[in-house]
Amino acid sequence: MSLFSRRSPTAAPTQIHQLKTWVKTVLALDDSILVSISQLRCNEPGCPPIETVIAVMTKPPQTYKLHKAAIDVTYGDLVKALGAEPMKSSLTGQQLPDARLC
């Protein structure tokens, strides 16, 4: 058993695409703005084992961190991390549910 072979939970490309779509929706970003999603491992004391880092390539660039694996990030997590108000349904006017990645 190798000490260097620990695996992180991995999000599928479709899940990463969904996260990017949520970020663009929550921040009302133009499609020309690049959004990067990275999942990083931290081995330092007091640091969560895995964090998801969202970089929004505006001028200046914005960076947001969520202390969980990308696959575990919910829409509500993004709203909170991005400091935005939850979206409401255009049909009912009610807050959208806290969706999870599938």
C-alpha atoms as a PDB file:
ATOM      1  CA  MET A   1       0.000   0.000   0.000  1.00  0.00           C
ATOM      2  CA  SER A   2       1.426   3.352  -1.045  1.00  0.00           C
ATOM      3  CA  LEU A   3       1.131   6.382   1.209  1.00  0.00           C
ATOM      4  CA  PHE A   4       0.795   8.544  -1.894  1.00  0.00           C
ATOM      5  CA  SER A   5      -2.135   6.784  -3.532  1.00  0.00           C
ATOM      6  CA  ARG A   6      -5.025   8.210  -1.499  1.00  0.00           C
ATOM      7  CA  ARG A   7      -7.820   9.129  -3.858  1.00  0.00           C
ATOM      8  CA  SER A   8     -10.121  12.115  -3.584  1.00  0.00           C
ATOM      9  CA  PRO A   9     -13.807  11.854  -4.408  1.00  0.00           C
ATOM     10  CA  THR A  10     -13.994  12.747  -8.081  1.00  0.00           C
ATOM     11  CA  ALA A  11     -16.779  14.690  -9.760  1.00  0.00           C
ATOM     12  CA  ALA A  12     -17.730  13.719 -13.299  1.00  0.00           C
ATOM     13  CA  PRO A  13     -17.340  16.322 -16.067  1.00  0.00           C
ATOM     14  CA  THR A  14     -21.134  16.743 -16.150  1.00  0.00           C
ATOM     15  CA  GLN A  15     -21.116  17.571 -12.425  1.00  0.00           C
ATOM     16  CA  ILE A  16     -18.350  20.155 -12.886  1.00  0.00           C
ATOM     17  CA  HIS A  17     -20.322  21.654 -15.777  1.00  0.00           C
ATOM     18  CA  GLN A  18     -23.387  21.890 -13.492  1.00  0.00           C
ATOM     19  CA  LEU A  19     -21.320  23.675 -10.823  1.00  0.00           C
ATOM     20  CA  LYS A  20     -20.074  26.171 -13.421  1.00  0.00           C
ATOM     21  CA  THR A  21     -23.635  26.742 -14.633  1.00  0.00           C
ATOM     22  CA  TRP A  22     -24.816  27.380 -11.059  1.00  0.00           C
ATOM     23  CA  VAL A  23     -21.942  29.845 -10.486  1.00  0.00           C
ATOM     24  CA  LYS A  24     -22.786  31.751 -13.671  1.00  0.00           C
ATOM     25  CA  THR A  25     -26.466  31.807 -12.735  1.00  0.00           C
ATOM     26  CA  VAL A  26     -25.945  32.894  -9.117  1.00  0.00           C
ATOM     27  CA  LEU A  27     -23.485  35.639 -10.071  1.00  0.00           C
ATOM     28  CA  ALA A  28     -25.410  36.590 -13.249  1.00  0.00           C
ATOM     29  CA  LEU A  29     -22.233  36.201 -15.311  1.00  0.00           C
ATOM     30  CA  ASP A  30     -21.992  36.635 -19.048  1.00  0.00           C
ATOM     31  CA  ASP A  31     -21.124  33.450 -20.952  1.00  0.00           C
ATOM     32  CA  SER A  32     -17.801  35.013 -21.964  1.00  0.00           C
ATOM     33  CA  ILE A  33     -16.575  34.982 -18.323  1.00  0.00           C
ATOM     34  CA  LEU A  34     -14.471  31.884 -17.590  1.00  0.00           C
ATOM     35  CA  VAL A  35     -15.232  29.888 -14.429  1.00  0.00           C
ATOM     36  CA  SER A  36     -12.685  27.352 -13.186  1.00  0.00           C
ATOM     37  CA  ILE A  37     -13.453  24.619 -10.645  1.00  0.00           C
ATOM     38  CA  SER A  38     -10.581  22.851  -8.851  1.00  0.00           C
ATOM     39  CA  GLN A  39     -10.578  20.263  -6.096  1.00  0.00           C
ATOM     40  CA  LEU A  40      -7.543  20.427  -3.845  1.00  0.00           C
ATOM     41  CA  ARG A  41      -6.232  18.198  -1.059  1.00  0.00           C
ATOM     42  CA  CYS A  42      -4.800  19.797   2.066  1.00  0.00           C
ATOM     43  CA  ASN A  43      -2.560  17.907   4.497  1.00  0.00           C
ATOM     44  CA  GLU A  44      -1.818  20.798   6.866  1.00  0.00           C
ATOM     45  CA  PRO A  45      -3.181  20.747  10.439  1.00  0.00           C
ATOM     46  CA  GLY A  46      -6.567  22.439  10.775  1.00  0.00           C
ATOM     47  CA  CYS A  47      -7.165  22.382   7.035  1.00  0.00           C
ATOM     48  CA  PRO A  48     -10.112  20.391   5.632  1.00  0.00           C
ATOM     49  CA  PRO A  49      -8.906  17.280   3.786  1.00  0.00           C
ATOM     50  CA  ILE A  50     -10.483  18.398   0.486  1.00  0.00           C
ATOM     51  CA  GLU A  51     -11.711  21.766  -0.703  1.00  0.00           C
ATOM     52  CA  THR A  52     -13.325  22.974  -3.885  1.00  0.00           C
ATOM     53  CA  VAL A  53     -11.935  26.215  -5.254  1.00  0.00           C
ATOM     54  CA  ILE A  54     -13.950  28.313  -7.681  1.00  0.00           C
ATOM     55  CA  ALA A  55     -12.139  30.952  -9.724  1.00  0.00           C
ATOM     56  CA  VAL A  56     -14.172  33.507 -11.657  1.00  0.00           C
ATOM     57  CA  MET A  57     -12.016  35.245 -14.242  1.00  0.00           C
ATOM     58  CA  THR A  58     -13.434  38.732 -13.944  1.00  0.00           C
ATOM     59  CA  LYS A  59     -11.230  41.813 -13.594  1.00  0.00           C
ATOM     60  CA  PRO A  60     -10.000  41.431 -10.907  1.00  0.00           C
ATOM     61  CA  PRO A  61     -10.430  37.638 -10.624  1.00  0.00           C
ATOM     62  CA  GLN A  62     -12.559  36.332  -7.752  1.00  0.00           C
ATOM     63  CA  THR A  63     -11.824  33.161  -5.791  1.00  0.00           C
ATOM     64  CA  TYR A  64     -14.211  31.228  -3.547  1.00  0.00           C
ATOM     65  CA  LYS A  65     -13.489  28.156  -1.404  1.00  0.00           C
ATOM     66  CA  LEU A  66     -15.860  25.473  -0.187  1.00  0.00           C
ATOM     67  CA  HIS A  67     -14.550  23.040   2.417  1.00  0.00           C
ATOM     68  CA  LYS A  68     -15.879  19.891   0.764  1.00  0.00           C
ATOM     69  CA  ALA A  69     -15.374  17.799  -2.347  1.00  0.00           C
ATOM     70  CA  ALA A  70     -16.863  19.159  -5.579  1.00  0.00           C
ATOM     71  CA  ILE A  71     -19.233  16.199  -5.790  1.00  0.00           C
ATOM     72  CA  ASP A  72     -20.726  17.167  -2.395  1.00  0.00           C
ATOM     73  CA  VAL A  73     -21.326  20.851  -3.198  1.00  0.00           C
ATOM     74  CA  THR A  74     -25.010  21.815  -3.348  1.00  0.00           C
ATOM     75  CA  TYR A  75     -26.677  24.807  -4.959  1.00  0.00           C
ATOM     76  CA  GLY A  76     -27.242  26.214  -1.465  1.00  0.00           C
ATOM     77  CA  ASP A  77     -23.529  25.838  -0.666  1.00  0.00           C
ATOM     78  CA  LEU A  78     -22.706  27.895  -3.753  1.00  0.00           C
ATOM     79  CA  VAL A  79     -25.214  30.608  -2.918  1.00  0.00           C
ATOM     80  CA  LYS A  80     -23.737  30.905   0.570  1.00  0.00           C
ATOM     81  CA  ALA A  81     -20.097  30.830  -0.611  1.00  0.00           C
ATOM     82  CA  LEU A  82     -20.719  33.359  -3.366  1.00  0.00           C
ATOM     83  CA  GLY A  83     -22.551  35.683  -0.970  1.00  0.00           C
ATOM     84  CA  ALA A  84     -25.643  35.841  -3.167  1.00  0.00           C
ATOM     85  CA  GLU A  85     -29.364  35.667  -2.564  1.00  0.00           C
ATOM     86  CA  PRO A  86     -30.979  32.301  -3.392  1.00  0.00           C
ATOM     87  CA  MET A  87     -32.694  32.287  -6.791  1.00  0.00           C
ATOM     88  CA  LYS A  88     -36.462  32.140  -6.966  1.00  0.00           C
ATOM     89  CA  SER A  89     -38.497  30.253  -9.501  1.00  0.00           C
ATOM     90  CA  SER A  90     -39.830  32.509 -12.259  1.00  0.00           C
ATOM     91  CA  LEU A  91     -43.017  30.425 -12.246  1.00  0.00           C
ATOM     92  CA  THR A  92     -43.872  30.295  -8.546  1.00  0.00           C
ATOM     93  CA  GLY A  93     -41.770  33.079  -7.014  1.00  0.00           C
ATOM     94  CA  GLN A  94     -40.602  30.594  -4.362  1.00  0.00           C
ATOM     95  CA  GLN A  95     -36.986  29.851  -3.475  1.00  0.00           C
ATOM     96  CA  LEU A  96     -35.522  26.975  -5.466  1.00  0.00           C
ATOM     97  CA  PRO A  97     -34.696  23.817  -3.473  1.00  0.00           C
ATOM     98  CA  ASP A  98     -31.139  23.072  -2.413  1.00  0.00           C
ATOM     99  CA  ALA A  99     -30.189  20.835  -5.333  1.00  0.00           C
ATOM    100  CA  ARG A 100     -27.299  18.352  -5.170  1.00  0.00           C
ATOM    101  CA  LEU A 101     -25.106  17.236  -8.030  1.00  0.00           C
ATOM    102  CA  CYS A 102     -26.202  13.941  -9.572  1.00  0.00           C
END
